[in-house]
C-alpha atoms as a PDB file:
ATOM      1  CA  MET A   1       3.016 -25.615 -12.654  1.00  0.00           C
ATOM      2  CA  SER A   2       2.335 -22.252 -14.243  1.00  0.00           C
ATOM      3  CA  LYS A   3      -1.089 -21.434 -15.650  1.00  0.00           C
ATOM      4  CA  ALA A   4      -1.398 -19.622 -19.027  1.00  0.00           C
ATOM      5  CA  ILE A   5      -4.419 -18.173 -20.913  1.00  0.00           C
ATOM      6  CA  ILE A   6      -4.309 -17.495 -24.627  1.00  0.00           C
ATOM      7  CA  ILE A   7      -6.549 -14.685 -25.777  1.00  0.00           C
ATOM      8  CA  ASP A   8      -6.740 -14.175 -29.569  1.00  0.00           C
ATOM      9  CA  ASP A   9      -9.610 -14.030 -32.046  1.00  0.00           C
ATOM     10  CA  GLU A  10      -7.685 -16.078 -34.722  1.00  0.00           C
ATOM     11  CA  PRO A  11      -7.984 -19.856 -34.062  1.00  0.00           C
ATOM     12  CA  LEU A  12      -4.842 -20.469 -36.148  1.00  0.00           C
ATOM     13  CA  SER A  13      -2.788 -18.107 -33.932  1.00  0.00           C
ATOM     14  CA  ARG A  14      -4.059 -19.879 -30.836  1.00  0.00           C
ATOM     15  CA  GLU A  15      -3.114 -23.282 -32.288  1.00  0.00           C
ATOM     16  CA  ILE A  16       0.437 -22.083 -33.101  1.00  0.00           C
ATOM     17  CA  ILE A  17       0.937 -20.823 -29.517  1.00  0.00           C
ATOM     18  CA  LYS A  18      -0.338 -24.071 -28.015  1.00  0.00           C
ATOM     19  CA  ALA A  19       1.907 -26.108 -30.356  1.00  0.00           C
ATOM     20  CA  TYR A  20       4.988 -24.053 -29.217  1.00  0.00           C
ATOM     21  CA  LEU A  21       3.974 -24.518 -25.600  1.00  0.00           C
ATOM     22  CA  ARG A  22       4.179 -28.270 -25.842  1.00  0.00           C
ATOM     23  CA  ALA A  23       7.967 -27.774 -25.336  1.00  0.00           C
ATOM     24  CA  TYR A  24       7.187 -26.461 -21.904  1.00  0.00           C
ATOM     25  CA  PRO A  25       5.209 -29.081 -19.836  1.00  0.00           C
ATOM     26  CA  GLU A  26       5.547 -26.834 -16.793  1.00  0.00           C
ATOM     27  CA  ILE A  27       3.168 -24.311 -18.415  1.00  0.00           C
ATOM     28  CA  GLU A  28      -0.448 -25.430 -18.555  1.00  0.00           C
ATOM     29  CA  VAL A  29      -2.914 -23.645 -20.811  1.00  0.00           C
ATOM     30  CA  VAL A  30      -6.043 -23.549 -18.661  1.00  0.00           C
ATOM     31  CA  GLN A  31      -8.210 -21.795 -21.188  1.00  0.00           C
ATOM     32  CA  GLU A  32      -8.156 -20.168 -24.648  1.00  0.00           C
ATOM     33  CA  CYS A  33     -10.476 -17.281 -25.589  1.00  0.00           C
ATOM     34  CA  GLY A  34     -11.601 -15.708 -28.790  1.00  0.00           C
ATOM     35  CA  ASP A  35     -12.320 -12.159 -27.494  1.00  0.00           C
ATOM     36  CA  GLY A  36     -11.662  -9.863 -24.572  1.00  0.00           C
ATOM     37  CA  PHE A  37     -15.059 -10.580 -22.879  1.00  0.00           C
ATOM     38  CA  GLU A  38     -14.185 -14.266 -22.641  1.00  0.00           C
ATOM     39  CA  GLY A  39     -10.650 -13.222 -21.478  1.00  0.00           C
ATOM     40  CA  VAL A  40     -11.859 -11.210 -18.510  1.00  0.00           C
ATOM     41  CA  LYS A  41     -13.999 -14.070 -17.246  1.00  0.00           C
ATOM     42  CA  ALA A  42     -11.280 -16.608 -17.761  1.00  0.00           C
ATOM     43  CA  ILE A  43      -8.697 -14.459 -15.900  1.00  0.00           C
ATOM     44  CA  GLN A  44     -11.122 -13.980 -12.991  1.00  0.00           C
ATOM     45  CA  GLN A  45     -11.686 -17.697 -12.842  1.00  0.00           C
ATOM     46  CA  HIS A  46      -8.195 -19.126 -13.270  1.00  0.00           C
ATOM     47  CA  GLN A  47      -5.852 -16.292 -12.000  1.00  0.00           C
ATOM     48  CA  PRO A  48      -3.147 -17.250 -14.539  1.00  0.00           C
ATOM     49  CA  ASP A  49       0.472 -16.505 -14.250  1.00  0.00           C
ATOM     50  CA  LEU A  50       0.845 -15.634 -17.916  1.00  0.00           C
ATOM     51  CA  LEU A  51      -1.214 -14.163 -20.724  1.00  0.00           C
ATOM     52  CA  PHE A  52      -0.692 -14.483 -24.497  1.00  0.00           C
ATOM     53  CA  LEU A  53      -2.795 -11.524 -25.532  1.00  0.00           C
ATOM     54  CA  ASP A  54      -3.764 -10.280 -28.952  1.00  0.00           C
ATOM     55  CA  ILE A  55      -4.026  -6.554 -29.311  1.00  0.00           C
ATOM     56  CA  GLN A  56      -6.507  -6.065 -32.159  1.00  0.00           C
ATOM     57  CA  MET A  57      -9.653  -8.114 -31.450  1.00  0.00           C
ATOM     58  CA  PRO A  58     -13.381  -7.454 -32.085  1.00  0.00           C
ATOM     59  CA  LYS A  59     -15.623  -6.075 -29.277  1.00  0.00           C
ATOM     60  CA  ILE A  60     -12.775  -4.804 -27.080  1.00  0.00           C
ATOM     61  CA  ASN A  61      -9.114  -4.721 -27.764  1.00  0.00           C
ATOM     62  CA  GLY A  62      -6.304  -6.160 -25.576  1.00  0.00           C
ATOM     63  CA  PHE A  63      -5.489  -2.840 -23.978  1.00  0.00           C
ATOM     64  CA  GLU A  64      -9.117  -2.277 -22.972  1.00  0.00           C
ATOM     65  CA  MET A  65      -9.316  -5.785 -21.575  1.00  0.00           C
ATOM     66  CA  LEU A  66      -6.335  -5.261 -19.379  1.00  0.00           C
ATOM     67  CA  GLU A  67      -7.942  -2.124 -17.883  1.00  0.00           C
ATOM     68  CA  LEU A  68     -10.658  -4.358 -16.458  1.00  0.00           C
ATOM     69  CA  ILE A  69      -8.219  -6.698 -14.669  1.00  0.00           C
ATOM     70  CA  ASP A  70      -7.460  -5.817 -10.979  1.00  0.00           C
ATOM     71  CA  GLN A  71      -4.437  -8.117 -10.638  1.00  0.00           C
ATOM     72  CA  ARG A  72      -2.676  -8.346 -13.960  1.00  0.00           C
ATOM     73  CA  PRO A  73      -0.541 -11.432 -14.703  1.00  0.00           C
ATOM     74  CA  ALA A  74       2.509 -11.282 -16.907  1.00  0.00           C
ATOM     75  CA  VAL A  75       1.645 -10.442 -20.516  1.00  0.00           C
ATOM     76  CA  ILE A  76       3.177 -11.448 -23.735  1.00  0.00           C
ATOM     77  CA  PHE A  77       1.434  -9.335 -26.399  1.00  0.00           C
ATOM     78  CA  ILE A  78       0.650 -10.782 -29.848  1.00  0.00           C
ATOM     79  CA  THR A  79       0.189  -8.342 -32.763  1.00  0.00           C
ATOM     80  CA  ALA A  80       0.205  -8.161 -36.546  1.00  0.00           C
ATOM     81  CA  TYR A  81       1.345  -4.559 -36.442  1.00  0.00           C
ATOM     82  CA  ASP A  82       4.970  -3.882 -35.603  1.00  0.00           C
ATOM     83  CA  SER A  83       4.258  -0.140 -35.293  1.00  0.00           C
ATOM     84  CA  PHE A  84       1.424  -0.626 -32.843  1.00  0.00           C
ATOM     85  CA  ALA A  85       2.924   1.114 -29.846  1.00  0.00           C
ATOM     86  CA  ILE A  86       5.859  -1.376 -29.643  1.00  0.00           C
ATOM     87  CA  LYS A  87       8.133   1.234 -28.095  1.00  0.00           C
ATOM     88  CA  ALA A  88       5.500   2.033 -25.387  1.00  0.00           C
ATOM     89  CA  PHE A  89       4.866  -1.444 -24.118  1.00  0.00           C
ATOM     90  CA  GLU A  90       8.176  -3.108 -24.969  1.00  0.00           C
ATOM     91  CA  ALA A  91       9.630  -2.089 -21.608  1.00  0.00           C
ATOM     92  CA  ASN A  92       6.463  -2.868 -19.684  1.00  0.00           C
ATOM     93  CA  ALA A  93       5.120  -6.214 -20.980  1.00  0.00           C
ATOM     94  CA  VAL A  94       7.279  -9.288 -20.735  1.00  0.00           C
ATOM     95  CA  ASP A  95       7.582  -9.264 -24.513  1.00  0.00           C
ATOM     96  CA  TYR A  96       5.644  -8.963 -27.796  1.00  0.00           C
ATOM     97  CA  LEU A  97       5.345 -11.407 -30.659  1.00  0.00           C
ATOM     98  CA  LEU A  98       4.645 -10.433 -34.268  1.00  0.00           C
ATOM     99  CA  LYS A  99       2.282 -12.454 -36.279  1.00  0.00           C
ATOM    100  CA  PRO A 100       2.995 -14.924 -37.760  1.00  0.00           C
ATOM    101  CA  VAL A 101       4.790 -15.909 -34.624  1.00  0.00           C
ATOM    102  CA  ALA A 102       8.170 -17.465 -35.236  1.00  0.00           C
ATOM    103  CA  GLU A 103       9.061 -20.448 -33.085  1.00  0.00           C
ATOM    104  CA  GLU A 104      12.633 -19.120 -32.190  1.00  0.00           C
ATOM    105  CA  ARG A 105      11.055 -15.690 -31.212  1.00  0.00           C
ATOM    106  CA  PHE A 106       8.482 -17.489 -29.116  1.00  0.00           C
ATOM    107  CA  HIS A 107      11.097 -19.365 -27.207  1.00  0.00           C
ATOM    108  CA  SER A 108      12.952 -16.106 -26.508  1.00  0.00           C
ATOM    109  CA  ALA A 109       9.785 -14.642 -25.061  1.00  0.00           C
ATOM    110  CA  ILE A 110       9.207 -17.578 -22.747  1.00  0.00           C
ATOM    111  CA  LEU A 111      12.884 -17.423 -21.498  1.00  0.00           C
ATOM    112  CA  LYS A 112      12.467 -13.726 -20.826  1.00  0.00           C
ATOM    113  CA  TRP A 113       9.304 -14.491 -18.822  1.00  0.00           C
ATOM    114  CA  LYS A 114      11.082 -17.287 -16.925  1.00  0.00           C
ATOM    115  CA  SER A 115      13.895 -15.000 -15.975  1.00  0.00           C
ATOM    116  CA  LYS A 116      11.461 -12.767 -14.221  1.00  0.00           C
ATOM    117  CA  LEU A 117       9.454 -15.619 -12.434  1.00  0.00           C
ATOM    118  CA  ALA A 118       6.833 -13.144 -11.280  1.00  0.00           C
ATOM    119  CA  PRO A 119       3.681 -11.529 -12.450  1.00  0.00           C
ATOM    120  CA  THR A 120       4.020  -8.147 -14.131  1.00  0.00           C
ATOM    121  CA  SER A 121       3.325  -5.310 -11.738  1.00  0.00           C
ATOM    122  CA  PRO A 122       0.260  -3.346 -12.703  1.00  0.00           C
ATOM    123  CA  ASP A 123       2.022   0.016 -12.153  1.00  0.00           C
ATOM    124  CA  PRO A 124       4.361  -0.110 -15.208  1.00  0.00           C
ATOM    125  CA  MET A 125       1.654  -1.291 -17.474  1.00  0.00           C
ATOM    126  CA  GLU A 126      -0.639   1.516 -16.238  1.00  0.00           C
ATOM    127  CA  ARG A 127       1.330   4.096 -18.205  1.00  0.00           C
ATOM    128  CA  VAL A 128       0.877   2.024 -21.348  1.00  0.00           C
ATOM    129  CA  LEU A 129      -2.788   1.644 -20.942  1.00  0.00           C
ATOM    130  CA  ASN A 130      -3.197   5.357 -20.329  1.00  0.00           C
ATOM    131  CA  GLU A 131      -1.324   6.079 -23.528  1.00  0.00           C
ATOM    132  CA  MET A 132      -3.383   3.614 -25.532  1.00  0.00           C
ATOM    133  CA  SER A 133      -6.683   5.034 -24.086  1.00  0.00           C
ATOM    134  CA  THR A 134      -6.018   8.230 -25.983  1.00  0.00           C
ATOM    135  CA  THR A 135      -6.024   6.501 -29.347  1.00  0.00           C
ATOM    136  CA  THR A 136      -8.947   7.504 -31.650  1.00  0.00           C
ATOM    137  CA  ALA A 137     -10.898   4.234 -31.240  1.00  0.00           C
ATOM    138  CA  GLN A 138     -10.779   4.236 -27.454  1.00  0.00           C
ATOM    139  CA  GLN A 139     -11.504   8.020 -27.188  1.00  0.00           C
ATOM    140  CA  ASN A 140     -14.957   7.110 -28.530  1.00  0.00           C
ATOM    141  CA  ARG A 141     -15.905   4.651 -25.886  1.00  0.00           C
ATOM    142  CA  ILE A 142     -15.154   3.649 -22.221  1.00  0.00           C
ATOM    143  CA  VAL A 143     -15.122  -0.018 -21.235  1.00  0.00           C
ATOM    144  CA  VAL A 144     -16.253  -0.802 -17.730  1.00  0.00           C
ATOM    145  CA  LYS A 145     -16.774  -3.876 -15.676  1.00  0.00           C
ATOM    146  CA  THR A 146     -20.007  -4.389 -13.766  1.00  0.00           C
ATOM    147  CA  GLY A 147     -19.795  -7.587 -11.646  1.00  0.00           C
ATOM    148  CA  SER A 148     -18.874 -10.348 -14.078  1.00  0.00           C
ATOM    149  CA  LYS A 149     -20.179  -8.390 -17.176  1.00  0.00           C
ATOM    150  CA  VAL A 150     -18.320  -5.927 -19.329  1.00  0.00           C
ATOM    151  CA  LYS A 151     -20.060  -2.861 -20.722  1.00  0.00           C
ATOM    152  CA  ILE A 152     -19.002  -0.566 -23.566  1.00  0.00           C
ATOM    153  CA  ILE A 153     -20.167   3.073 -23.018  1.00  0.00           C
ATOM    154  CA  PRO A 154     -20.113   5.318 -26.040  1.00  0.00           C
ATOM    155  CA  VAL A 155     -18.661   8.694 -25.043  1.00  0.00           C
ATOM    156  CA  HIS A 156     -21.702  10.535 -26.311  1.00  0.00           C
ATOM    157  CA  ASP A 157     -23.975   8.721 -23.776  1.00  0.00           C
ATOM    158  CA  ILE A 158     -22.046  10.149 -20.836  1.00  0.00           C
ATOM    159  CA  GLN A 159     -23.937  12.749 -18.758  1.00  0.00           C
ATOM    160  CA  PHE A 160     -21.245  13.552 -16.312  1.00  0.00           C
ATOM    161  CA  ILE A 161     -18.205  11.992 -14.477  1.00  0.00           C
ATOM    162  CA  GLU A 162     -17.800  12.339 -10.774  1.00  0.00           C
ATOM    163  CA  ALA A 163     -14.846  11.686  -8.507  1.00  0.00           C
ATOM    164  CA  ASP A 164     -15.486   8.760  -6.146  1.00  0.00           C
ATOM    165  CA  ASP A 165     -12.590   7.964  -3.803  1.00  0.00           C
ATOM    166  CA  ASP A 166      -9.995   6.077  -5.850  1.00  0.00           C
ATOM    167  CA  PHE A 167     -12.336   5.714  -8.752  1.00  0.00           C
ATOM    168  CA  VAL A 168     -14.529   7.895 -11.004  1.00  0.00           C
ATOM    169  CA  LYS A 169     -18.219   7.298 -11.452  1.00  0.00           C
ATOM    170  CA  ILE A 170     -19.391   7.590 -15.032  1.00  0.00           C
ATOM    171  CA  THR A 171     -23.146   8.419 -15.176  1.00  0.00           C
ATOM    172  CA  THR A 172     -25.317   7.677 -18.264  1.00  0.00           C
ATOM    173  CA  GLN A 173     -29.044   7.367 -18.744  1.00  0.00           C
ATOM    174  CA  GLU A 174     -28.692   3.621 -17.906  1.00  0.00           C
ATOM    175  CA  GLY A 175     -27.020   4.252 -14.591  1.00  0.00           C
ATOM    176  CA  SER A 176     -23.623   4.949 -13.003  1.00  0.00           C
ATOM    177  CA  PHE A 177     -20.417   2.913 -13.555  1.00  0.00           C
ATOM    178  CA  LEU A 178     -17.176   2.837 -11.664  1.00  0.00           C
ATOM    179  CA  LYS A 179     -13.782   3.061 -13.568  1.00  0.00           C
ATOM    180  CA  ASN A 180     -10.346   2.828 -12.023  1.00  0.00           C
ATOM    181  CA  LYS A 181      -9.116   6.067 -13.532  1.00  0.00           C
ATOM    182  CA  THR A 182      -8.549   9.633 -12.320  1.00  0.00           C
ATOM    183  CA  MET A 183     -10.481  12.832 -13.004  1.00  0.00           C
ATOM    184  CA  ASN A 184      -7.296  14.304 -14.503  1.00  0.00           C
ATOM    185  CA  PHE A 185      -6.991  11.508 -16.874  1.00  0.00           C
ATOM    186  CA  TYR A 186     -10.498  12.090 -18.299  1.00  0.00           C
ATOM    187  CA  GLU A 187     -10.004  15.895 -18.272  1.00  0.00           C
ATOM    188  CA  GLN A 188      -6.962  15.307 -20.569  1.00  0.00           C
ATOM    189  CA  SER A 189      -8.355  12.526 -22.804  1.00  0.00           C
ATOM    190  CA  LEU A 190     -11.877  13.589 -23.487  1.00  0.00           C
ATOM    191  CA  ASP A 191     -12.844  16.203 -26.125  1.00  0.00           C
ATOM    192  CA  PRO A 192     -12.519  19.577 -24.399  1.00  0.00           C
ATOM    193  CA  ALA A 193     -15.212  21.023 -26.822  1.00  0.00           C
ATOM    194  CA  GLN A 194     -17.704  18.508 -25.341  1.00  0.00           C
ATOM    195  CA  PHE A 195     -16.567  17.867 -21.760  1.00  0.00           C
ATOM    196  CA  VAL A 196     -15.653  20.446 -19.248  1.00  0.00           C
ATOM    197  CA  ARG A 197     -14.288  19.930 -15.790  1.00  0.00           C
ATOM    198  CA  VAL A 198     -16.575  22.429 -13.947  1.00  0.00           C
ATOM    199  CA  HIS A 199     -15.514  21.337 -10.463  1.00  0.00           C
ATOM    200  CA  ARG A 200     -12.721  19.373  -8.984  1.00  0.00           C
ATOM    201  CA  SER A 201     -15.126  16.526  -8.479  1.00  0.00           C
ATOM    202  CA  TYR A 202     -17.195  16.868 -11.752  1.00  0.00           C
ATOM    203  CA  ILE A 203     -16.795  16.711 -15.504  1.00  0.00           C
ATOM    204  CA  LEU A 204     -19.794  17.654 -17.569  1.00  0.00           C
ATOM    205  CA  HIS A 205     -20.987  16.744 -21.088  1.00  0.00           C
ATOM    206  CA  ILE A 206     -22.127  20.174 -22.127  1.00  0.00           C
ATOM    207  CA  ASN A 207     -25.015  18.795 -24.208  1.00  0.00           C
ATOM    208  CA  GLN A 208     -26.516  17.753 -20.926  1.00  0.00           C
ATOM    209  CA  ILE A 209     -26.733  21.179 -19.581  1.00  0.00           C
ATOM    210  CA  THR A 210     -30.165  22.897 -19.710  1.00  0.00           C
ATOM    211  CA  LYS A 211     -29.269  25.987 -17.600  1.00  0.00           C
ATOM    212  CA  ILE A 212     -26.700  27.545 -15.368  1.00  0.00           C
ATOM    213  CA  GLU A 213     -28.014  29.246 -12.163  1.00  0.00           C
ATOM    214  CA  PRO A 214     -26.014  31.411  -9.633  1.00  0.00           C
ATOM    215  CA  TYR A 215     -25.430  29.682  -6.357  1.00  0.00           C
ATOM    216  CA  GLN A 216     -23.249  31.207  -3.698  1.00  0.00           C
ATOM    217  CA  LYS A 217     -19.831  32.956  -3.387  1.00  0.00           C
ATOM    218  CA  GLU A 218     -19.260  33.121  -7.104  1.00  0.00           C
ATOM    219  CA  THR A 219     -20.197  29.575  -7.639  1.00  0.00           C
ATOM    220  CA  HIS A 220     -23.023  28.171  -9.908  1.00  0.00           C
ATOM    221  CA  LEU A 221     -25.254  25.207 -10.408  1.00  0.00           C
ATOM    222  CA  ALA A 222     -25.490  23.411 -13.668  1.00  0.00           C
ATOM    223  CA  ILE A 223     -28.979  21.931 -14.230  1.00  0.00           C
ATOM    224  CA  LEU A 224     -28.910  18.869 -16.429  1.00  0.00           C
ATOM    225  CA  ARG A 225     -31.562  17.288 -18.627  1.00  0.00           C
ATOM    226  CA  ASN A 226     -32.318  14.722 -16.006  1.00  0.00           C
ATOM    227  CA  GLY A 227     -32.754  17.328 -13.313  1.00  0.00           C
ATOM    228  CA  GLN A 228     -29.449  16.660 -11.566  1.00  0.00           C
ATOM    229  CA  GLN A 229     -27.759  19.731 -10.101  1.00  0.00           C
ATOM    230  CA  ILE A 230     -23.960  19.906 -10.483  1.00  0.00           C
ATOM    231  CA  PRO A 231     -21.836  22.325  -8.562  1.00  0.00           C
ATOM    232  CA  VAL A 232     -19.712  24.724 -10.927  1.00  0.00           C
ATOM    233  CA  SER A 233     -16.739  26.400  -9.284  1.00  0.00           C
ATOM    234  CA  LYS A 234     -15.506  29.865 -10.216  1.00  0.00           C
ATOM    235  CA  THR A 235     -12.797  28.336 -12.381  1.00  0.00           C
ATOM    236  CA  GLY A 236     -15.247  25.918 -13.941  1.00  0.00           C
ATOM    237  CA  TYR A 237     -17.751  28.557 -14.812  1.00  0.00           C
ATOM    238  CA  ALA A 238     -15.049  30.504 -16.694  1.00  0.00           C
ATOM    239  CA  LYS A 239     -14.189  27.329 -18.657  1.00  0.00           C
ATOM    240  CA  LEU A 240     -17.926  26.779 -19.427  1.00  0.00           C
ATOM    241  CA  LYS A 241     -18.257  30.321 -20.637  1.00  0.00           C
ATOM    242  CA  VAL A 242     -15.444  29.855 -23.118  1.00  0.00           C
ATOM    243  CA  VAL A 243     -16.778  26.462 -24.449  1.00  0.00           C
ATOM    244  CA  LEU A 244     -20.412  27.778 -24.562  1.00  0.00           C
ATOM    245  CA  GLY A 245     -19.367  31.096 -26.171  1.00  0.00           C
ATOM    246  CA  LEU A 246     -20.956  33.130 -23.359  1.00  0.00           C
END
């Protein structure tokens, strides 16, 4: 028996998927969810083999939700927009279904999943999630998981980002939050007029800087509003001078 979860904010869409799944008694719908927050909890609880995942949802979208999942199951995307990055995720997800979902198209997607008979590897999907993280909506916020809770961090609330082993640590006034991304990713995706990589281990929000002091061997310290001292390399200082107009 395979376990499936349906995550879609439209009740009618969920009902259609469940109706089509009656033809597959070997697939059990263990839960249906109306948003990504519920979806994260359901996936953690049930460890499903297959997701039917809407892309455009309130609170957090389908791509943002997948970023919060450590072990991703196979995914069949559901979307009302045929131009919504289909070329990007077509080769990585099991399949995608356009709303309203046609029964014949649904059966084709299930057959494609059955032919693989294994969860989707997280590595191919990672490229898609990185691409979608650079869309305008997602550039304005970062979604993180803290225990069983999901938190949305507006980009303007970030004080600095710090390398932390295989993660990055995003620091705000409310505290620090880990995200499974790289420093290079945020250096490329955040607004370069607002965020500067001042050190191989630090990216600063320039609005948080109160002063820059010489340190040692052509390096500097950036003093932030909260009193935090951030090392600034020679290269990082050159970048700061450009952005700050010094």
